[in-house]
Amino acid sequence: MAGAPDDGRVRQDADRSPGPVAGPPGGEEEHAIGRVVAALRAAFPGLSEPDVAGCVGRIHATFAQARVRTYVPILVEREAYAALAAWREPAGQAPRVSSIATASGPEDAGF
């Protein structure tokens, strides 16, 4: 607009609705989470399916209120991989994820 200063900010219309909000996770996301569990089971063959699925489930639950669902499965996979990798690290090595440094398993780390 002529005469209006352009300060780099995006103008927002006060009457504008925020747009559609994603509903609860659906079948496609749940299917992707199942693939995450399968991939992590293959990456960590020494861990039981209930341990891996439990870890993934607890992390997935932290994204329950996410408005944008597109990247939830990959974010869950990354966090679960880090948690499971740190959990299985030998006691003499520092875990890669500091927030679960004292965890004896994914449950103790809050996952």
Foldseek 3Di string as FASTA:
>chain_A
DPPDDCPPDDDDDPPDDPDDFDDFDDDVLVVLLVVLLVVVCVVCVVDDSCQLNVLLVQLLVVCRPPRDCPCSSVVSSVVSNLQVQQLPDPLVDQRPDVLCRPPNGSVRSRD
